[in-house]
Every structure is written in C-alpha cells, then in structure tokens.
N, C-alpha and C. Protein backbone atom coordinates (compact mmCIF):
# COMPACT_ATOMS: atom_id res chain seq x y z
N UNK A 1 1.05 -1.08 0.16
CA UNK A 1 -0.02 0.08 -0.10
C UNK A 1 0.82 1.38 0.15
N UNK A 2 0.48 2.08 -0.47
CA UNK A 2 1.72 3.46 -0.94
C UNK A 2 1.27 4.42 0.43
N UNK A 3 2.08 5.17 0.24
CA UNK A 3 1.26 6.25 1.49
C UNK A 3 0.25 7.11 1.11
N UNK A 4 0.01 7.20 0.04
CA UNK A 4 -1.36 7.86 -0.60
C UNK A 4 -2.44 7.15 -0.15
N UNK A 5 -2.37 6.11 -0.45
CA UNK A 5 -3.33 5.20 -0.01
C UNK A 5 -3.59 4.95 1.21
N UNK A 6 -2.68 4.75 2.22
CA UNK A 6 -2.69 4.82 3.48
C UNK A 6 -3.27 6.21 3.80
N UNK A 7 -2.66 7.29 3.61
CA UNK A 7 -3.59 8.52 3.70
C UNK A 7 -4.99 8.58 3.71
N UNK A 8 -5.23 7.79 2.76
CA UNK A 8 -6.66 8.08 2.14
C UNK A 8 -7.65 7.24 2.92
N UNK A 9 -6.89 6.11 3.27
CA UNK A 9 -7.70 5.22 4.26
C UNK A 9 -7.76 5.74 5.68
N UNK A 10 -6.57 6.31 5.95
CA UNK A 10 -6.67 6.53 7.59
C UNK A 10 -7.54 7.70 7.54
N UNK A 11 -7.46 8.87 6.50
CA UNK A 11 -8.71 9.78 6.50
C UNK A 11 -9.92 9.33 6.65
N UNK A 12 -10.50 8.29 5.71
CA UNK A 12 -11.82 7.77 5.92
C UNK A 12 -12.33 7.53 6.94
N UNK A 13 -11.18 6.42 7.34
CA UNK A 13 -11.77 5.85 8.72
C UNK A 13 -11.65 6.90 9.69
N UNK A 14 -11.23 8.12 9.95
CA UNK A 14 -10.99 8.86 11.14
C UNK A 14 -12.35 9.60 10.86
N UNK A 15 -12.92 10.18 9.63
CA UNK A 15 -14.07 10.84 9.32
C UNK A 15 -15.32 10.01 9.52
N UNK A 16 -15.25 8.63 9.13
CA UNK A 16 -16.51 7.79 9.39
C UNK A 16 -16.55 7.54 11.07
N UNK A 17 -15.44 7.75 11.81
CA UNK A 17 -15.45 7.50 13.40
C UNK A 17 -15.15 8.70 14.23
N UNK A 18 -15.27 9.80 13.64
CA UNK A 18 -15.09 10.64 14.43
C UNK A 18 -15.86 11.08 15.69
N UNK A 19 -17.22 10.51 15.70
CA UNK A 19 -17.85 10.56 17.08
C UNK A 19 -17.34 9.78 18.18
N UNK A 20 -16.63 8.53 17.89
CA UNK A 20 -16.20 7.67 18.85
C UNK A 20 -14.70 8.34 19.42
N UNK A 21 -14.05 8.99 18.72
CA UNK A 21 -12.92 9.55 19.12
C UNK A 21 -13.08 10.67 19.92
N UNK A 22 -13.97 11.43 19.57
CA UNK A 22 -14.41 12.63 20.21
C UNK A 22 -14.85 12.27 21.88
N UNK A 23 -15.71 11.07 21.73
CA UNK A 23 -16.31 10.94 22.87
C UNK A 23 -14.93 10.12 24.12
N UNK A 24 -14.36 9.57 23.37
CA UNK A 24 -13.06 8.81 24.04
C UNK A 24 -12.01 10.03 24.58
N UNK A 25 -11.74 10.89 23.97
CA UNK A 25 -11.36 12.27 24.20
C UNK A 25 -11.81 12.94 25.45
N UNK A 26 -13.20 13.14 25.23
CA UNK A 26 -14.28 13.70 26.18
C UNK A 26 -14.20 13.07 27.44
N UNK A 27 -14.11 11.62 27.52
CA UNK A 27 -14.43 11.06 28.62
C UNK A 27 -12.88 11.49 29.49
N UNK A 28 -11.83 11.80 28.94
CA UNK A 28 -10.92 12.03 29.68
C UNK A 28 -10.84 13.29 30.45
N UNK A 29 -11.25 14.20 29.57
CA UNK A 29 -11.13 15.99 29.94
C UNK A 29 -12.31 16.58 30.32
N UNK A 30 -13.36 16.06 30.04
CA UNK A 30 -15.00 16.65 30.15
C UNK A 30 -15.17 17.89 29.84
N UNK A 31 -14.68 17.96 28.77
CA UNK A 31 -14.60 19.82 28.10
C UNK A 31 -14.84 19.63 26.79
N UNK A 32 -15.73 20.35 26.00
CA UNK A 32 -15.72 20.07 24.53
C UNK A 32 -14.54 20.71 23.79
N UNK A 33 -14.00 21.86 24.16
CA UNK A 33 -12.86 22.58 23.42
C UNK A 33 -11.82 21.53 23.52
N UNK A 34 -11.40 21.02 24.83
CA UNK A 34 -10.23 20.27 24.91
C UNK A 34 -10.33 18.85 24.33
N UNK A 35 -11.57 18.36 24.28
CA UNK A 35 -11.65 17.22 23.59
C UNK A 35 -11.35 17.19 22.09
N UNK A 36 -11.72 18.28 21.44
CA UNK A 36 -11.81 18.53 20.10
C UNK A 36 -10.29 18.67 19.78
N UNK A 37 -9.55 19.76 20.98
CA UNK A 37 -8.15 19.61 20.54
C UNK A 37 -7.26 18.16 20.84
N UNK A 38 -7.64 17.33 21.43
CA UNK A 38 -7.07 16.36 21.72
C UNK A 38 -7.26 15.29 20.50
N UNK A 39 -8.36 15.42 19.71
CA UNK A 39 -8.95 14.81 18.53
C UNK A 39 -7.79 15.10 17.57
N UNK A 40 -7.75 16.55 17.42
CA UNK A 40 -7.05 17.02 16.35
C UNK A 40 -5.69 16.90 16.21
N UNK A 41 -5.02 16.91 17.49
CA UNK A 41 -3.62 16.55 17.86
C UNK A 41 -3.32 15.14 17.47
N UNK A 42 -4.55 14.08 17.83
CA UNK A 42 -4.17 12.56 17.56
C UNK A 42 -4.37 12.53 16.23
N UNK A 43 -4.91 13.12 15.47
CA UNK A 43 -5.07 13.03 13.94
C UNK A 43 -3.76 13.49 13.49
N UNK A 44 -3.34 14.60 13.65
CA UNK A 44 -1.95 15.55 13.33
C UNK A 44 -0.68 14.22 13.50
N UNK A 45 -0.77 13.72 14.79
CA UNK A 45 -0.07 12.87 15.00
C UNK A 45 -0.28 11.53 14.34
N UNK A 46 -1.35 11.04 13.92
CA UNK A 46 -1.35 9.85 13.16
C UNK A 46 -1.19 10.32 11.49
N UNK A 47 -1.38 11.11 10.89
CA UNK A 47 -1.10 11.35 9.86
C UNK A 47 0.69 11.75 9.52
N UNK A 48 1.29 12.35 10.94
CA UNK A 48 2.54 12.30 10.60
C UNK A 48 3.51 10.59 10.76
N UNK A 49 2.83 9.96 11.56
CA UNK A 49 3.52 8.79 11.79
C UNK A 49 2.95 7.54 10.97
N UNK A 50 2.20 8.13 9.83
CA UNK A 50 1.25 6.99 9.07
C UNK A 50 2.22 5.68 8.48
N UNK A 51 3.55 5.93 8.39
CA UNK A 51 4.44 5.02 7.74
C UNK A 51 4.61 3.66 8.96
N UNK A 52 4.06 4.12 10.11
CA UNK A 52 4.03 3.10 11.28
C UNK A 52 3.20 2.14 11.30
N UNK A 53 2.02 2.47 10.40
CA UNK A 53 0.68 1.54 10.24
C UNK A 53 1.14 0.45 9.29
N UNK A 54 1.21 -0.84 9.66
CA UNK A 54 1.84 -1.77 8.83
C UNK A 54 0.69 -2.24 8.05
N UNK A 55 -0.64 -2.86 8.93
CA UNK A 55 -1.71 -3.75 8.31
C UNK A 55 -2.71 -2.63 8.62
N UNK A 56 -3.81 -2.87 7.48
CA UNK A 56 -4.78 -2.24 7.80
C UNK A 56 -5.47 -2.39 8.72
N UNK A 57 -5.60 -3.80 9.16
CA UNK A 57 -6.38 -4.35 10.37
C UNK A 57 -5.93 -3.72 11.44
N UNK A 58 -4.95 -3.29 11.69
CA UNK A 58 -4.82 -2.49 13.04
C UNK A 58 -5.14 -1.07 13.33
N UNK A 59 -5.78 -0.60 12.03
CA UNK A 59 -6.15 0.85 11.94
C UNK A 59 -6.79 1.17 13.30
N UNK A 60 -7.96 0.55 13.34
CA UNK A 60 -8.67 0.59 14.43
C UNK A 60 -7.86 0.71 15.93
N UNK A 61 -7.35 0.00 16.42
CA UNK A 61 -6.34 -0.12 17.59
C UNK A 61 -5.28 0.96 17.61
N UNK A 62 -4.65 1.04 16.26
CA UNK A 62 -3.63 2.06 16.09
C UNK A 62 -4.09 3.47 16.74
N UNK A 63 -5.20 4.02 15.94
CA UNK A 63 -5.61 5.18 16.49
C UNK A 63 -6.12 5.52 17.79
N UNK A 64 -6.78 4.24 18.16
CA UNK A 64 -7.43 4.44 19.65
C UNK A 64 -5.89 4.76 20.53
N UNK A 65 -5.13 3.99 20.18
CA UNK A 65 -3.94 4.31 21.19
C UNK A 65 -2.90 5.68 20.84
N UNK A 66 -3.20 6.30 19.62
CA UNK A 66 -2.83 7.42 19.53
C UNK A 66 -3.70 8.50 20.40
N UNK A 67 -5.09 7.97 20.46
CA UNK A 67 -6.20 9.22 21.07
C UNK A 67 -6.03 9.01 22.60
N UNK A 68 -5.75 7.50 23.08
CA UNK A 68 -5.56 7.40 24.71
C UNK A 68 -4.32 8.20 24.93
N UNK A 69 -3.07 8.14 24.35
CA UNK A 69 -2.00 8.67 24.57
C UNK A 69 -1.88 9.89 24.50
N UNK A 70 -2.48 10.55 23.54
CA UNK A 70 -2.87 12.09 23.30
C UNK A 70 -3.62 12.60 24.44
N UNK A 71 -4.69 11.83 25.07
CA UNK A 71 -5.40 12.56 26.01
C UNK A 71 -4.68 12.25 27.35
N UNK A 72 -3.81 11.25 27.74
CA UNK A 72 -3.30 11.14 28.80
C UNK A 72 -1.87 12.05 29.09
N UNK A 73 -1.27 12.58 27.93
CA UNK A 73 -0.33 13.75 27.66
C UNK A 73 -1.17 15.22 27.98
N UNK A 74 -2.15 15.01 27.31
CA UNK A 74 -3.00 16.44 27.65
C UNK A 74 -3.25 16.59 29.17
N UNK A 75 -3.72 15.66 29.99
CA UNK A 75 -4.07 15.91 31.51
C UNK A 75 -2.83 16.06 32.18
N UNK A 76 -1.53 15.36 31.60
CA UNK A 76 -0.16 15.32 32.41
C UNK A 76 0.20 16.91 32.22
N UNK A 77 0.05 17.44 30.99
CA UNK A 77 0.50 18.91 30.58
C UNK A 77 -0.30 19.84 31.47
N UNK A 78 -1.68 19.73 31.59
CA UNK A 78 -2.67 20.39 32.17
C UNK A 78 -2.83 19.95 33.83
N UNK A 79 -2.02 19.28 34.57
CA UNK A 79 -2.14 18.60 35.76
C UNK A 79 -3.24 18.33 36.15
N UNK A 80 -4.25 17.61 35.34
CA UNK A 80 -5.30 17.05 35.83
C UNK A 80 -6.59 17.77 36.03
N UNK A 81 -6.33 18.98 35.57
CA UNK A 81 -7.51 20.19 35.84
C UNK A 81 -8.19 20.00 34.90
N UNK A 82 -9.61 19.53 35.15
CA UNK A 82 -10.55 19.57 34.16
C UNK A 82 -11.61 20.56 34.41
N UNK A 83 -11.95 21.41 33.28
CA UNK A 83 -12.91 22.55 33.54
C UNK A 83 -14.29 22.19 32.97
N UNK A 84 -15.54 21.85 33.37
CA UNK A 84 -16.74 21.61 33.14
C UNK A 84 -17.03 22.21 32.33
N UNK A 85 -17.71 21.80 30.86
CA UNK A 85 -17.98 22.59 30.04
C UNK A 85 -19.46 23.14 30.45
N UNK A 86 -20.05 24.52 30.14
CA UNK A 86 -20.95 25.17 30.75
C UNK A 86 -22.44 24.56 30.12
N UNK A 87 -22.41 24.07 29.07
CA UNK A 87 -23.59 23.09 28.47
C UNK A 87 -23.88 22.01 29.29
N UNK A 88 -22.42 21.24 29.55
CA UNK A 88 -22.52 20.03 30.68
C UNK A 88 -23.10 20.52 32.26
N UNK A 89 -22.59 21.39 32.55
CA UNK A 89 -23.07 21.83 34.02
C UNK A 89 -24.80 22.10 34.03
N UNK A 90 -25.04 22.86 32.91
CA UNK A 90 -26.68 23.01 32.95
C UNK A 90 -27.54 22.18 32.96
N UNK A 91 -26.65 20.86 32.12
CA UNK A 91 -27.67 19.57 32.09
C UNK A 91 -27.72 18.90 33.80
N UNK A 92 -26.74 19.10 34.25
CA UNK A 92 -26.81 18.46 35.81
C UNK A 92 -27.06 19.73 36.57
N UNK A 93 -27.69 20.53 36.47
CA UNK A 93 -28.17 21.24 37.60
C UNK A 93 -29.67 21.12 38.12
N UNK A 94 -30.20 20.62 37.09
CA UNK A 94 -31.72 20.33 37.99
C UNK A 94 -31.30 18.64 38.25
N UNK A 95 -30.76 17.86 39.19
CA UNK A 95 -29.99 17.03 39.22
C UNK A 95 -31.27 15.88 39.67
N UNK A 96 -31.48 14.60 39.48
CA UNK A 96 -32.45 13.90 39.62
C UNK A 96 -31.53 12.72 40.16
N UNK A 97 -32.27 11.90 40.98
CA UNK A 97 -31.20 10.65 41.72
C UNK A 97 -30.19 10.01 40.71
N UNK A 98 -30.52 9.59 39.77
CA UNK A 98 -29.87 8.89 38.52
C UNK A 98 -28.20 9.99 37.88
N UNK A 99 -28.99 10.96 38.04
CA UNK A 99 -27.86 12.00 37.45
C UNK A 99 -26.73 12.07 38.47
N UNK A 100 -27.26 12.21 39.86
CA UNK A 100 -26.20 12.39 40.93
C UNK A 100 -25.26 11.14 40.97
N UNK A 101 -26.13 9.71 41.01
CA UNK A 101 -25.27 8.36 40.98
C UNK A 101 -24.40 8.76 39.73
N UNK A 102 -24.62 9.08 38.44
CA UNK A 102 -23.80 9.20 37.20
C UNK A 102 -22.54 10.29 37.62
N UNK A 103 -23.28 11.45 38.07
CA UNK A 103 -21.75 12.50 38.40
C UNK A 103 -20.78 11.70 39.11
N UNK A 104 -21.65 11.13 40.61
CA UNK A 104 -20.52 10.09 41.47
C UNK A 104 -19.75 9.32 40.93
N UNK A 105 -20.11 8.75 39.87
CA UNK A 105 -19.24 7.45 39.00
C UNK A 105 -18.32 8.11 38.28
N UNK A 106 -18.68 9.53 37.45
CA UNK A 106 -17.62 9.91 36.69
C UNK A 106 -16.41 10.37 37.56
N UNK A 107 -16.86 10.85 38.68
CA UNK A 107 -16.06 11.83 39.61
C UNK A 107 -14.96 10.56 39.94
N UNK A 108 -15.96 9.41 40.41
CA UNK A 108 -15.43 8.08 40.79
C UNK A 108 -13.83 7.60 39.93
N UNK A 109 -14.50 7.62 38.46
CA UNK A 109 -13.49 7.14 37.56
C UNK A 109 -12.19 7.96 37.46
N UNK A 110 -12.72 9.54 37.41
CA UNK A 110 -11.50 10.43 37.11
C UNK A 110 -10.73 10.23 38.36
N UNK A 111 -10.95 9.72 39.64
CA UNK A 111 -10.03 9.58 40.67
C UNK A 111 -9.11 8.55 40.45
N UNK A 112 -9.60 7.44 39.73
CA UNK A 112 -8.69 6.46 39.31
C UNK A 112 -7.30 6.74 38.88
N UNK A 113 -6.19 5.89 39.10
CA UNK A 113 -4.76 6.48 38.26
C UNK A 113 -5.08 6.20 36.63
N UNK A 114 -4.20 6.73 36.20
CA UNK A 114 -4.67 6.58 34.63
C UNK A 114 -4.49 5.26 33.99
N UNK A 115 -4.08 4.52 34.32
CA UNK A 115 -4.05 3.00 33.96
C UNK A 115 -4.94 2.36 34.02
N UNK A 116 -5.94 2.50 35.26
CA UNK A 116 -7.36 1.91 35.50
C UNK A 116 -8.23 2.62 34.67
N UNK A 117 -8.26 4.01 35.02
CA UNK A 117 -9.11 5.09 34.04
C UNK A 117 -9.17 4.46 32.66
N UNK A 118 -8.22 4.39 32.05
CA UNK A 118 -8.07 3.95 30.59
C UNK A 118 -8.87 2.67 30.47
N UNK A 119 -8.49 1.71 31.22
CA UNK A 119 -9.41 0.52 30.80
C UNK A 119 -10.63 0.77 30.99
N UNK A 120 -11.39 1.07 32.25
CA UNK A 120 -12.58 1.26 32.65
C UNK A 120 -13.22 1.98 31.16
N UNK A 121 -12.79 3.39 30.55
CA UNK A 121 -13.20 3.96 29.68
C UNK A 121 -13.21 3.18 28.44
N UNK A 122 -11.98 2.54 28.11
CA UNK A 122 -12.24 1.74 26.83
C UNK A 122 -13.17 0.69 26.71
N UNK A 123 -13.52 -0.09 28.09
CA UNK A 123 -14.21 -1.27 28.27
C UNK A 123 -15.75 -0.82 28.28
N UNK A 124 -15.99 -0.03 29.10
CA UNK A 124 -17.54 0.50 29.26
C UNK A 124 -17.95 1.07 28.50
N UNK A 125 -17.18 2.35 28.27
CA UNK A 125 -17.44 3.41 27.58
C UNK A 125 -17.48 3.46 25.67
N UNK A 126 -16.27 2.83 25.74
CA UNK A 126 -16.19 2.19 24.31
C UNK A 126 -16.59 1.00 23.73
N UNK A 127 -17.05 0.09 24.52
CA UNK A 127 -17.24 -1.07 24.64
C UNK A 127 -16.32 -1.93 23.67
N UNK A 128 -15.36 -1.64 24.00
CA UNK A 128 -13.90 -2.69 23.38
C UNK A 128 -13.94 -4.25 24.04
N UNK A 129 -13.20 -5.06 23.42
CA UNK A 129 -12.98 -6.25 24.38
C UNK A 129 -11.57 -6.19 24.84
N UNK A 130 -11.52 -7.25 25.61
CA UNK A 130 -10.35 -6.97 26.50
C UNK A 130 -9.16 -7.28 25.41
N UNK A 131 -9.22 -7.84 24.52
CA UNK A 131 -7.90 -8.16 23.81
C UNK A 131 -7.23 -6.67 22.76
N UNK A 132 -8.23 -6.02 22.74
CA UNK A 132 -8.38 -4.73 21.87
C UNK A 132 -7.92 -3.99 22.69
N UNK A 133 -8.13 -3.59 24.02
CA UNK A 133 -7.67 -3.08 24.98
C UNK A 133 -6.14 -3.10 25.25
N UNK A 134 -5.86 -4.52 25.30
CA UNK A 134 -4.40 -4.76 25.51
C UNK A 134 -3.49 -4.19 24.31
N UNK A 135 -4.32 -4.75 23.47
CA UNK A 135 -3.52 -4.43 21.73
C UNK A 135 -3.45 -2.72 21.98
N UNK A 136 -4.08 -1.90 22.35
CA UNK A 136 -4.30 -0.52 22.47
C UNK A 136 -3.37 0.29 23.70
N UNK A 137 -3.26 -0.63 24.65
CA UNK A 137 -2.42 -0.30 25.73
C UNK A 137 -0.70 -0.71 25.63
N UNK A 138 -0.77 -1.48 24.99
CA UNK A 138 0.38 -2.77 24.71
C UNK A 138 0.80 -3.38 25.96
N UNK A 139 -0.47 -3.72 26.89
CA UNK A 139 0.09 -4.70 27.66
C UNK A 139 -0.61 -5.86 27.29
N UNK A 140 -0.35 -7.08 28.02
CA UNK A 140 -0.93 -8.69 27.90
C UNK A 140 -2.10 -8.47 28.47
N UNK A 141 -2.74 -9.63 28.10
CA UNK A 141 -4.54 -9.85 28.26
C UNK A 141 -4.70 -9.93 29.63
N UNK A 142 -3.99 -10.58 30.28
CA UNK A 142 -4.25 -11.02 31.95
C UNK A 142 -3.73 -9.57 32.89
N UNK A 143 -2.81 -9.17 32.19
CA UNK A 143 -2.51 -7.32 32.77
C UNK A 143 -3.81 -6.65 32.75
N UNK A 144 -4.70 -6.55 31.55
CA UNK A 144 -5.59 -5.90 31.31
C UNK A 144 -6.64 -6.49 32.42
N UNK A 145 -6.91 -7.77 32.52
CA UNK A 145 -7.89 -8.41 33.13
C UNK A 145 -7.85 -7.75 34.58
N UNK A 146 -6.67 -8.12 35.18
CA UNK A 146 -6.40 -7.82 36.71
C UNK A 146 -6.58 -6.12 37.04
N UNK A 147 -5.95 -5.41 35.99
CA UNK A 147 -6.26 -3.90 36.23
C UNK A 147 -7.93 -3.46 36.02
N UNK A 148 -8.27 -4.17 35.07
CA UNK A 148 -10.20 -4.22 35.40
C UNK A 148 -10.89 -4.50 36.42
N UNK A 149 -10.47 -5.84 37.00
CA UNK A 149 -11.09 -6.15 38.17
C UNK A 149 -10.70 -5.35 39.25
N UNK A 150 -9.19 -4.59 39.60
CA UNK A 150 -8.69 -3.93 40.69
C UNK A 150 -9.60 -2.40 40.59
N UNK A 151 -9.83 -2.03 39.02
CA UNK A 151 -10.23 -0.64 39.02
C UNK A 151 -11.66 -1.02 39.34
N UNK A 152 -12.61 -2.15 39.23
CA UNK A 152 -13.80 -2.60 39.74
C UNK A 152 -14.12 -2.06 41.16
N UNK A 153 -12.76 -2.98 41.36
CA UNK A 153 -12.87 -3.03 43.23
C UNK A 153 -12.82 -1.78 43.80
N UNK A 154 -12.29 -0.81 43.13
CA UNK A 154 -11.70 0.61 43.61
C UNK A 154 -13.13 1.24 43.48
N UNK A 155 -13.79 1.27 42.42
CA UNK A 155 -14.97 2.09 42.13
C UNK A 155 -16.09 1.51 43.01
N UNK A 156 -16.27 0.29 43.46
CA UNK A 156 -17.24 -0.27 44.23
C UNK A 156 -17.04 0.46 45.60
N UNK A 157 -15.91 0.19 45.97
CA UNK A 157 -15.38 1.06 47.43
C UNK A 157 -15.48 2.56 47.38
N UNK A 158 -15.32 3.08 46.31
CA UNK A 158 -15.48 4.81 46.21
C UNK A 158 -17.08 5.08 46.30
N UNK A 159 -17.88 4.25 45.43
CA UNK A 159 -19.25 4.06 45.43
C UNK A 159 -19.91 4.05 46.53
N UNK A 160 -19.37 2.93 47.30
CA UNK A 160 -20.10 2.35 48.35
C UNK A 160 -20.79 0.80 48.17
N UNK A 161 -20.78 0.16 49.12
CA UNK A 161 -21.57 -1.24 48.58
C UNK A 161 -22.83 -1.11 47.80
N UNK A 162 -23.66 0.03 48.25
CA UNK A 162 -24.86 -0.21 47.61
C UNK A 162 -24.78 -0.12 45.95
N UNK A 163 -23.79 0.49 45.66
CA UNK A 163 -23.50 0.54 44.03
C UNK A 163 -22.98 -0.61 43.54
N UNK A 164 -23.67 -1.20 42.53
CA UNK A 164 -22.84 -2.54 41.97
C UNK A 164 -22.63 -2.10 40.28
N UNK A 165 -21.25 -2.44 39.95
CA UNK A 165 -21.53 -2.32 38.49
C UNK A 165 -21.62 -3.23 37.52
C-alpha cells in the first residue's frame, strides 16, 4: 500500500468514526474544546506517523492508542485540571437521583490512576473487548483483566457497597 493510499484510508476511517474518538477524548477531559483539541492533535500525530501503520487491520487500535496517549499527555500537561463545560453543567443542575449517581461515578472514575481509568473507559464507554484494550495499551490480556478487576473494586469502594457495576 502506498503512502497516499494509507493517507486516504486513515482519513476516511477517522471521518467515519469521529464521534467515537471525540467521545473517548471527552471521557478523559470532560470539556468540549479540550476534547476537540485532543482529537485534532491525535489526527496530526497519526498523519505524521502513517508509515508506522503496517496493516490495515490494525487501523482501529492504532488510532485508539494515539487518542488515548494524546489524552493522557494532555492531562499530564494540564495537571489533571478539568474544567466542566457550561452546557454540561447546565444539564446537571436540575439533578435527579440517577444523575447524581452518574456524576458520582464519573468523579470516581476520574479519581482512578490513569492505567485503570483508561481500561474502564475503553471497556465500558467504548465497548472494546479485553484483547483490543490490551493491543491499544500495549499490555498483555492478563494484565488488562487484573487491572480491570482492580479498577472495578476501587470504584465499588469509592461508590459504596450499595452501588453495583
């Protein structure tokens, strides 16, 4: 496959799946503008490193990895400060009990160390399989399973025993 063919393939793939990648970035930073910046940076990184994509079948996990790493880098640069979008805040002002639980869960996920947070986001928000998560993070499947169960345990403790994932 030529570089131009790879470029076109990546471009089409990103356009077709843009909502998923925005949602992934947003789950890290909880801010519309920051999530858009992360996706934009990830696209630039992907297009600059397009030669590293060896097989078309790895495109999904390759780009997920770029978005995850770009999100983590963004959080590190901005010292884990996440500003809540005004629109999102307005959605949560008239809080119902379910919304309070959702906010508590999101806060609990935000408190997890990055290696656990990434797995929770990819597994439950992006609905990826354990082996796909392992490929994205560069860890083996057993490590991902162990971290997933540890993260769920931490979330249960944080949320209280009445909450069940």
